[in-house]
Amino acid sequence: LPPGTPGLDRPSALLPAAGVLFFAFLGFERVTAPGTDAPAPRRSRTAVLTLVGVALATYLVVSFAVLRQLGPTRLAVSVVPLRDALDAADASSLDVLVTVAAMVATAVGLLLVVGGGRRTATTMAQSGDLPGVTTVARVLVGGGAAVGVLVAGPADTIALAATCALFHYAFTSASARLLTREERSWPARTACFGLGVSVLIGMTMPPVDLAVALGVTVLAGLAGPLLSLGRSARR
């Protein structure tokens, strides 16, 4: 990069960038979610590796194409690299197609997040960890996601969603370490590695996103016991 370019002397900025890119990997846990339709452990491992591999390969292909078209300097300072790459290739007519594809991809990601929250709430309610308020949980998850997009905009919302996902996977990895050998689909060291990576990348995300994700985690952690206490008191 040219001297004086903002961020030139901050290689640590690669970590929050990796956190935002983590958004593309949302949803692969669908094949490992608890429930009656959960696949066998071997099939689950194969599916997870396949999905993560496809997402990573797509990232690499798109990144290589944009890097080749724009060059490292222009790519580094571009705010909308895909559109700039189309302009540089005299393919501005495809801009609408790329925009629609991005909208579809973001909508799919939103559905995966909302669906994941619904399945988690339903499973916890069935196991007695939450009272039967799954409809309320669905409305809160979907409404919160919609309000976030309207207030903060898609780009900031994606960064916030990635931060929340890192929190989620950190807690999931920490919980997986407590499983017995017979209950695990993956070795315990995999959970330790996942916990470390989630914490390392998550702590480098923007402070506002960290504060919101922490607040959501605290509120969600308190909501279950409070609702259960309220339900017991009414009885």
C-alpha atoms as a PDB file:
ATOM      1  CA  LEU A   1       0.000   0.000   0.000  1.00  0.00           C
ATOM      2  CA  PRO A   2       1.157   3.603  -0.530  1.00  0.00           C
ATOM      3  CA  PRO A   3       2.746   5.285   2.523  1.00  0.00           C
ATOM      4  CA  GLY A   4       0.182   6.991   4.746  1.00  0.00           C
ATOM      5  CA  THR A   5      -2.679   4.676   3.855  1.00  0.00           C
ATOM      6  CA  PRO A   6      -4.943   4.208   6.931  1.00  0.00           C
ATOM      7  CA  GLY A   7      -4.388   0.807   8.482  1.00  0.00           C
ATOM      8  CA  LEU A   8      -1.021   0.278   6.808  1.00  0.00           C
ATOM      9  CA  ASP A   9       0.720  -0.258  10.153  1.00  0.00           C
ATOM     10  CA  ARG A  10      -2.055  -2.396  11.681  1.00  0.00           C
ATOM     11  CA  PRO A  11      -1.683  -6.008  10.570  1.00  0.00           C
ATOM     12  CA  SER A  12      -3.860  -6.923  13.560  1.00  0.00           C
ATOM     13  CA  ALA A  13      -6.799  -5.522  11.586  1.00  0.00           C
ATOM     14  CA  LEU A  14      -6.808  -8.829   9.723  1.00  0.00           C
ATOM     15  CA  LEU A  15      -8.520 -10.424  12.740  1.00  0.00           C
ATOM     16  CA  PRO A  16     -11.696  -8.279  12.754  1.00  0.00           C
ATOM     17  CA  ALA A  17     -11.788  -8.641   8.972  1.00  0.00           C
ATOM     18  CA  ALA A  18     -11.717 -12.402   9.473  1.00  0.00           C
ATOM     19  CA  GLY A  19     -14.540 -11.998  11.984  1.00  0.00           C
ATOM     20  CA  VAL A  20     -16.733 -10.234   9.421  1.00  0.00           C
ATOM     21  CA  LEU A  21     -15.917 -12.842   6.773  1.00  0.00           C
ATOM     22  CA  PHE A  22     -16.978 -15.460   9.317  1.00  0.00           C
ATOM     23  CA  PHE A  23     -20.556 -14.486   8.452  1.00  0.00           C
ATOM     24  CA  ALA A  24     -20.372 -16.671   5.338  1.00  0.00           C
ATOM     25  CA  PHE A  25     -19.952 -19.782   7.488  1.00  0.00           C
ATOM     26  CA  LEU A  26     -23.224 -19.272   9.356  1.00  0.00           C
ATOM     27  CA  GLY A  27     -25.662 -22.121   9.030  1.00  0.00           C
ATOM     28  CA  PHE A  28     -23.409 -25.161   8.788  1.00  0.00           C
ATOM     29  CA  GLU A  29     -24.426 -26.111  12.317  1.00  0.00           C
ATOM     30  CA  ARG A  30     -27.891 -26.989  10.959  1.00  0.00           C
ATOM     31  CA  VAL A  31     -26.596 -30.498  10.276  1.00  0.00           C
ATOM     32  CA  THR A  32     -25.414 -30.848  13.885  1.00  0.00           C
ATOM     33  CA  ALA A  33     -28.387 -29.199  15.617  1.00  0.00           C
ATOM     34  CA  PRO A  34     -30.058 -31.364  18.262  1.00  0.00           C
ATOM     35  CA  GLY A  35     -33.324 -32.926  17.231  1.00  0.00           C
ATOM     36  CA  THR A  36     -34.901 -36.051  15.892  1.00  0.00           C
ATOM     37  CA  ASP A  37     -33.636 -35.443  12.375  1.00  0.00           C
ATOM     38  CA  ALA A  38     -29.964 -35.055  13.348  1.00  0.00           C
ATOM     39  CA  PRO A  39     -27.711 -37.179  11.116  1.00  0.00           C
ATOM     40  CA  ALA A  40     -25.271 -39.820  12.312  1.00  0.00           C
ATOM     41  CA  PRO A  41     -21.947 -38.478  13.678  1.00  0.00           C
ATOM     42  CA  ARG A  42     -19.936 -39.642  10.645  1.00  0.00           C
ATOM     43  CA  ARG A  43     -22.382 -38.077   8.200  1.00  0.00           C
ATOM     44  CA  SER A  44     -22.448 -34.946  10.340  1.00  0.00           C
ATOM     45  CA  ARG A  45     -18.662 -34.572  10.197  1.00  0.00           C
ATOM     46  CA  THR A  46     -18.647 -35.094   6.440  1.00  0.00           C
ATOM     47  CA  ALA A  47     -21.427 -32.552   5.930  1.00  0.00           C
ATOM     48  CA  VAL A  48     -19.721 -29.930   8.116  1.00  0.00           C
ATOM     49  CA  LEU A  49     -16.383 -30.320   6.331  1.00  0.00           C
ATOM     50  CA  THR A  50     -18.097 -30.164   2.941  1.00  0.00           C
ATOM     51  CA  LEU A  51     -20.072 -27.021   3.755  1.00  0.00           C
ATOM     52  CA  VAL A  52     -17.106 -25.221   5.283  1.00  0.00           C
ATOM     53  CA  GLY A  53     -14.923 -26.287   2.341  1.00  0.00           C
ATOM     54  CA  VAL A  54     -17.436 -24.990  -0.216  1.00  0.00           C
ATOM     55  CA  ALA A  55     -17.738 -21.634   1.577  1.00  0.00           C
ATOM     56  CA  LEU A  56     -13.957 -21.302   1.843  1.00  0.00           C
ATOM     57  CA  ALA A  57     -13.434 -22.245  -1.813  1.00  0.00           C
ATOM     58  CA  THR A  58     -16.027 -19.672  -2.882  1.00  0.00           C
ATOM     59  CA  TYR A  59     -14.258 -16.998  -0.841  1.00  0.00           C
ATOM     60  CA  LEU A  60     -10.910 -17.873  -2.393  1.00  0.00           C
ATOM     61  CA  VAL A  61     -12.236 -17.871  -5.968  1.00  0.00           C
ATOM     62  CA  VAL A  62     -14.033 -14.537  -5.597  1.00  0.00           C
ATOM     63  CA  SER A  63     -11.082 -12.967  -3.764  1.00  0.00           C
ATOM     64  CA  PHE A  64      -8.614 -14.139  -6.415  1.00  0.00           C
ATOM     65  CA  ALA A  65     -10.801 -12.784  -9.227  1.00  0.00           C
ATOM     66  CA  VAL A  66     -11.232  -9.380  -7.567  1.00  0.00           C
ATOM     67  CA  LEU A  67      -7.542  -9.183  -6.628  1.00  0.00           C
ATOM     68  CA  ARG A  68      -6.524  -9.995 -10.192  1.00  0.00           C
ATOM     69  CA  GLN A  69      -8.880  -7.385 -11.611  1.00  0.00           C
ATOM     70  CA  LEU A  70      -8.177  -4.504  -9.207  1.00  0.00           C
ATOM     71  CA  GLY A  71      -4.683  -5.197  -7.940  1.00  0.00           C
ATOM     72  CA  PRO A  72      -3.687  -5.143  -4.266  1.00  0.00           C
ATOM     73  CA  THR A  73      -3.603  -1.357  -3.753  1.00  0.00           C
ATOM     74  CA  ARG A  74      -6.982  -0.557  -5.293  1.00  0.00           C
ATOM     75  CA  LEU A  75      -8.585  -3.570  -3.660  1.00  0.00           C
ATOM     76  CA  ALA A  76      -7.255  -2.568  -0.254  1.00  0.00           C
ATOM     77  CA  VAL A  77      -8.833   0.907  -0.392  1.00  0.00           C
ATOM     78  CA  SER A  78     -12.049  -0.074  -2.183  1.00  0.00           C
ATOM     79  CA  VAL A  79     -15.294   0.242  -0.244  1.00  0.00           C
ATOM     80  CA  VAL A  80     -17.285  -1.791  -2.805  1.00  0.00           C
ATOM     81  CA  PRO A  81     -14.697  -4.130  -4.363  1.00  0.00           C
ATOM     82  CA  LEU A  82     -17.126  -6.286  -6.326  1.00  0.00           C
ATOM     83  CA  ARG A  83     -18.663  -3.290  -8.073  1.00  0.00           C
ATOM     84  CA  ASP A  84     -15.249  -1.766  -8.682  1.00  0.00           C
ATOM     85  CA  ALA A  85     -14.077  -5.048 -10.188  1.00  0.00           C
ATOM     86  CA  LEU A  86     -17.060  -5.049 -12.549  1.00  0.00           C
ATOM     87  CA  ASP A  87     -16.329  -1.458 -13.577  1.00  0.00           C
ATOM     88  CA  ALA A  88     -12.677  -2.307 -14.186  1.00  0.00           C
ATOM     89  CA  ALA A  89     -13.712  -5.239 -16.364  1.00  0.00           C
ATOM     90  CA  ASP A  90     -16.214  -3.125 -18.365  1.00  0.00           C
ATOM     91  CA  ALA A  91     -19.008  -5.289 -16.992  1.00  0.00           C
ATOM     92  CA  SER A  92     -21.063  -2.669 -15.183  1.00  0.00           C
ATOM     93  CA  SER A  93     -24.184  -4.171 -16.726  1.00  0.00           C
ATOM     94  CA  LEU A  94     -23.814  -7.081 -14.293  1.00  0.00           C
ATOM     95  CA  ASP A  95     -24.038  -4.785 -11.288  1.00  0.00           C
ATOM     96  CA  VAL A  96     -27.760  -5.462 -10.864  1.00  0.00           C
ATOM     97  CA  LEU A  97     -27.126  -9.207 -10.950  1.00  0.00           C
ATOM     98  CA  VAL A  98     -24.436  -8.951  -8.258  1.00  0.00           C
ATOM     99  CA  THR A  99     -26.692  -6.761  -6.110  1.00  0.00           C
ATOM    100  CA  VAL A 100     -29.571  -9.240  -6.362  1.00  0.00           C
ATOM    101  CA  ALA A 101     -27.211 -12.133  -5.557  1.00  0.00           C
ATOM    102  CA  ALA A 102     -25.947 -10.268  -2.482  1.00  0.00           C
ATOM    103  CA  MET A 103     -29.517  -9.604  -1.352  1.00  0.00           C
ATOM    104  CA  VAL A 104     -30.436 -13.269  -1.764  1.00  0.00           C
ATOM    105  CA  ALA A 105     -27.309 -14.413   0.070  1.00  0.00           C
ATOM    106  CA  THR A 106     -27.958 -12.004   2.949  1.00  0.00           C
ATOM    107  CA  ALA A 107     -31.595 -13.096   3.162  1.00  0.00           C
ATOM    108  CA  VAL A 108     -30.503 -16.733   3.319  1.00  0.00           C
ATOM    109  CA  GLY A 109     -28.056 -15.875   6.094  1.00  0.00           C
ATOM    110  CA  LEU A 110     -30.814 -14.078   7.991  1.00  0.00           C
ATOM    111  CA  LEU A 111     -33.131 -17.079   7.641  1.00  0.00           C
ATOM    112  CA  LEU A 112     -30.380 -19.369   8.901  1.00  0.00           C
ATOM    113  CA  VAL A 113     -29.822 -17.198  11.963  1.00  0.00           C
ATOM    114  CA  VAL A 114     -33.540 -16.928  12.722  1.00  0.00           C
ATOM    115  CA  GLY A 115     -34.024 -20.651  12.089  1.00  0.00           C
ATOM    116  CA  GLY A 116     -31.111 -21.494  14.360  1.00  0.00           C
ATOM    117  CA  GLY A 117     -32.557 -19.383  17.156  1.00  0.00           C
ATOM    118  CA  ARG A 118     -35.957 -21.019  16.712  1.00  0.00           C
ATOM    119  CA  ARG A 119     -34.541 -24.554  16.802  1.00  0.00           C
ATOM    120  CA  THR A 120     -32.399 -23.798  19.846  1.00  0.00           C
ATOM    121  CA  ALA A 121     -35.326 -22.293  21.746  1.00  0.00           C
ATOM    122  CA  THR A 122     -37.587 -25.195  20.782  1.00  0.00           C
ATOM    123  CA  THR A 123     -35.039 -27.805  21.852  1.00  0.00           C
ATOM    124  CA  MET A 124     -34.365 -26.042  25.158  1.00  0.00           C
ATOM    125  CA  ALA A 125     -38.104 -25.803  25.815  1.00  0.00           C
ATOM    126  CA  GLN A 126     -38.539 -29.507  25.101  1.00  0.00           C
ATOM    127  CA  SER A 127     -35.736 -30.388  27.509  1.00  0.00           C
ATOM    128  CA  GLY A 128     -37.151 -28.131  30.225  1.00  0.00           C
ATOM    129  CA  ASP A 129     -34.358 -25.531  30.107  1.00  0.00           C
ATOM    130  CA  LEU A 130     -36.840 -22.918  28.886  1.00  0.00           C
ATOM    131  CA  PRO A 131     -40.563 -22.525  29.448  1.00  0.00           C
ATOM    132  CA  GLY A 132     -42.859 -23.039  26.483  1.00  0.00           C
ATOM    133  CA  VAL A 133     -42.381 -19.587  24.971  1.00  0.00           C
ATOM    134  CA  THR A 134     -40.895 -20.607  21.656  1.00  0.00           C
ATOM    135  CA  THR A 135     -43.286 -18.350  19.720  1.00  0.00           C
ATOM    136  CA  VAL A 136     -42.088 -15.346  21.703  1.00  0.00           C
ATOM    137  CA  ALA A 137     -38.472 -16.380  21.087  1.00  0.00           C
ATOM    138  CA  ARG A 138     -39.079 -16.599  17.351  1.00  0.00           C
ATOM    139  CA  VAL A 139     -40.660 -13.144  17.273  1.00  0.00           C
ATOM    140  CA  LEU A 140     -37.803 -11.652  19.312  1.00  0.00           C
ATOM    141  CA  VAL A 141     -35.095 -13.194  17.130  1.00  0.00           C
ATOM    142  CA  GLY A 142     -36.757 -12.254  13.851  1.00  0.00           C
ATOM    143  CA  GLY A 143     -37.797  -8.800  15.044  1.00  0.00           C
ATOM    144  CA  GLY A 144     -34.356  -8.040  16.428  1.00  0.00           C
ATOM    145  CA  ALA A 145     -32.715  -9.003  13.149  1.00  0.00           C
ATOM    146  CA  ALA A 146     -35.159  -6.875  11.128  1.00  0.00           C
ATOM    147  CA  VAL A 147     -34.717  -3.830  13.387  1.00  0.00           C
ATOM    148  CA  GLY A 148     -30.942  -4.199  13.210  1.00  0.00           C
ATOM    149  CA  VAL A 149     -30.947  -4.117   9.407  1.00  0.00           C
ATOM    150  CA  LEU A 150     -33.251  -1.063   9.317  1.00  0.00           C
ATOM    151  CA  VAL A 151     -31.348   0.921  11.955  1.00  0.00           C
ATOM    152  CA  ALA A 152     -27.707   0.016  11.342  1.00  0.00           C
ATOM    153  CA  GLY A 153     -27.744  -0.983   7.675  1.00  0.00           C
ATOM    154  CA  PRO A 154     -26.747  -4.310   6.095  1.00  0.00           C
ATOM    155  CA  ALA A 155     -22.954  -3.968   6.420  1.00  0.00           C
ATOM    156  CA  ASP A 156     -22.953  -3.064  10.131  1.00  0.00           C
ATOM    157  CA  THR A 157     -25.638  -5.658  10.817  1.00  0.00           C
ATOM    158  CA  ILE A 158     -23.524  -8.369   9.179  1.00  0.00           C
ATOM    159  CA  ALA A 159     -20.570  -7.388  11.380  1.00  0.00           C
ATOM    160  CA  LEU A 160     -22.810  -7.526  14.459  1.00  0.00           C
ATOM    161  CA  ALA A 161     -24.238 -10.885  13.385  1.00  0.00           C
ATOM    162  CA  ALA A 162     -20.719 -12.242  12.931  1.00  0.00           C
ATOM    163  CA  THR A 163     -19.775 -11.018  16.424  1.00  0.00           C
ATOM    164  CA  CYS A 164     -22.845 -12.674  17.957  1.00  0.00           C
ATOM    165  CA  ALA A 165     -22.035 -15.864  16.042  1.00  0.00           C
ATOM    166  CA  LEU A 166     -18.504 -15.840  17.464  1.00  0.00           C
ATOM    167  CA  PHE A 167     -19.975 -15.533  20.969  1.00  0.00           C
ATOM    168  CA  HIS A 168     -22.330 -18.405  20.175  1.00  0.00           C
ATOM    169  CA  TYR A 169     -19.587 -20.689  18.907  1.00  0.00           C
ATOM    170  CA  ALA A 170     -17.338 -19.815  21.843  1.00  0.00           C
ATOM    171  CA  PHE A 171     -20.013 -20.959  24.296  1.00  0.00           C
ATOM    172  CA  THR A 172     -20.846 -23.969  22.134  1.00  0.00           C
ATOM    173  CA  SER A 173     -17.201 -25.039  22.040  1.00  0.00           C
ATOM    174  CA  ALA A 174     -16.874 -24.533  25.796  1.00  0.00           C
ATOM    175  CA  SER A 175     -19.967 -26.692  26.348  1.00  0.00           C
ATOM    176  CA  ALA A 176     -18.704 -29.373  23.962  1.00  0.00           C
ATOM    177  CA  ARG A 177     -15.622 -29.811  26.135  1.00  0.00           C
ATOM    178  CA  LEU A 178     -17.890 -31.133  28.908  1.00  0.00           C
ATOM    179  CA  LEU A 179     -19.309 -33.964  26.809  1.00  0.00           C
ATOM    180  CA  THR A 180     -18.203 -37.519  27.421  1.00  0.00           C
ATOM    181  CA  ARG A 181     -16.297 -39.445  24.776  1.00  0.00           C
ATOM    182  CA  GLU A 182     -19.470 -41.323  23.766  1.00  0.00           C
ATOM    183  CA  GLU A 183     -21.445 -38.103  23.344  1.00  0.00           C
ATOM    184  CA  ARG A 184     -18.894 -36.358  21.127  1.00  0.00           C
ATOM    185  CA  SER A 185     -18.861 -36.282  17.343  1.00  0.00           C
ATOM    186  CA  TRP A 186     -15.446 -34.559  17.334  1.00  0.00           C
ATOM    187  CA  PRO A 187     -12.353 -34.858  19.557  1.00  0.00           C
ATOM    188  CA  ALA A 188     -12.202 -32.609  22.641  1.00  0.00           C
ATOM    189  CA  ARG A 189      -9.204 -30.737  21.225  1.00  0.00           C
ATOM    190  CA  THR A 190     -11.428 -29.567  18.356  1.00  0.00           C
ATOM    191  CA  ALA A 191     -13.671 -27.795  20.870  1.00  0.00           C
ATOM    192  CA  CYS A 192     -10.621 -26.266  22.583  1.00  0.00           C
ATOM    193  CA  PHE A 193      -9.349 -24.978  19.239  1.00  0.00           C
ATOM    194  CA  GLY A 194     -12.785 -23.598  18.335  1.00  0.00           C
ATOM    195  CA  LEU A 195     -13.076 -21.855  21.697  1.00  0.00           C
ATOM    196  CA  GLY A 196      -9.654 -20.244  21.330  1.00  0.00           C
ATOM    197  CA  VAL A 197     -10.250 -19.045  17.770  1.00  0.00           C
ATOM    198  CA  SER A 198     -13.715 -17.678  18.592  1.00  0.00           C
ATOM    199  CA  VAL A 199     -12.401 -15.726  21.587  1.00  0.00           C
ATOM    200  CA  LEU A 200      -9.317 -14.457  19.743  1.00  0.00           C
ATOM    201  CA  ILE A 201     -11.247 -13.158  16.744  1.00  0.00           C
ATOM    202  CA  GLY A 202     -14.277 -12.068  18.746  1.00  0.00           C
ATOM    203  CA  MET A 203     -12.263  -9.824  21.059  1.00  0.00           C
ATOM    204  CA  THR A 204     -10.915  -7.876  18.069  1.00  0.00           C
ATOM    205  CA  MET A 205     -14.365  -6.967  16.727  1.00  0.00           C
ATOM    206  CA  PRO A 206     -15.595  -3.334  16.985  1.00  0.00           C
ATOM    207  CA  PRO A 207     -16.332  -2.299  20.600  1.00  0.00           C
ATOM    208  CA  VAL A 208     -19.967  -1.441  19.817  1.00  0.00           C
ATOM    209  CA  ASP A 209     -20.577  -4.897  18.345  1.00  0.00           C
ATOM    210  CA  LEU A 210     -18.877  -6.501  21.333  1.00  0.00           C
ATOM    211  CA  ALA A 211     -21.036  -4.505  23.753  1.00  0.00           C
ATOM    212  CA  VAL A 212     -24.252  -5.417  21.936  1.00  0.00           C
ATOM    213  CA  ALA A 213     -23.300  -9.095  21.686  1.00  0.00           C
ATOM    214  CA  LEU A 214     -22.375  -9.154  25.376  1.00  0.00           C
ATOM    215  CA  GLY A 215     -25.649  -7.476  26.296  1.00  0.00           C
ATOM    216  CA  VAL A 216     -27.654  -9.966  24.238  1.00  0.00           C
ATOM    217  CA  THR A 217     -25.769 -12.835  25.880  1.00  0.00           C
ATOM    218  CA  VAL A 218     -26.432 -11.516  29.392  1.00  0.00           C
ATOM    219  CA  LEU A 219     -30.112 -10.837  28.697  1.00  0.00           C
ATOM    220  CA  ALA A 220     -30.582 -14.253  27.125  1.00  0.00           C
ATOM    221  CA  GLY A 221     -28.806 -15.899  30.046  1.00  0.00           C
ATOM    222  CA  LEU A 222     -31.078 -14.138  32.540  1.00  0.00           C
ATOM    223  CA  ALA A 223     -34.283 -14.547  30.559  1.00  0.00           C
ATOM    224  CA  GLY A 224     -34.519 -18.331  30.954  1.00  0.00           C
ATOM    225  CA  PRO A 225     -34.230 -18.478  34.760  1.00  0.00           C
ATOM    226  CA  LEU A 226     -36.495 -15.433  35.224  1.00  0.00           C
ATOM    227  CA  LEU A 227     -39.186 -16.882  32.975  1.00  0.00           C
ATOM    228  CA  SER A 228     -38.928 -20.228  34.729  1.00  0.00           C
ATOM    229  CA  LEU A 229     -39.217 -18.542  38.138  1.00  0.00           C
ATOM    230  CA  GLY A 230     -42.220 -16.554  36.985  1.00  0.00           C
ATOM    231  CA  ARG A 231     -43.859 -19.669  35.659  1.00  0.00           C
ATOM    232  CA  SER A 232     -43.231 -21.526  38.928  1.00  0.00           C
ATOM    233  CA  ALA A 233     -44.603 -18.617  40.971  1.00  0.00           C
ATOM    234  CA  ARG A 234     -47.851 -18.586  38.973  1.00  0.00           C
ATOM    235  CA  ARG A 235     -48.295 -22.252  39.737  1.00  0.00           C
END
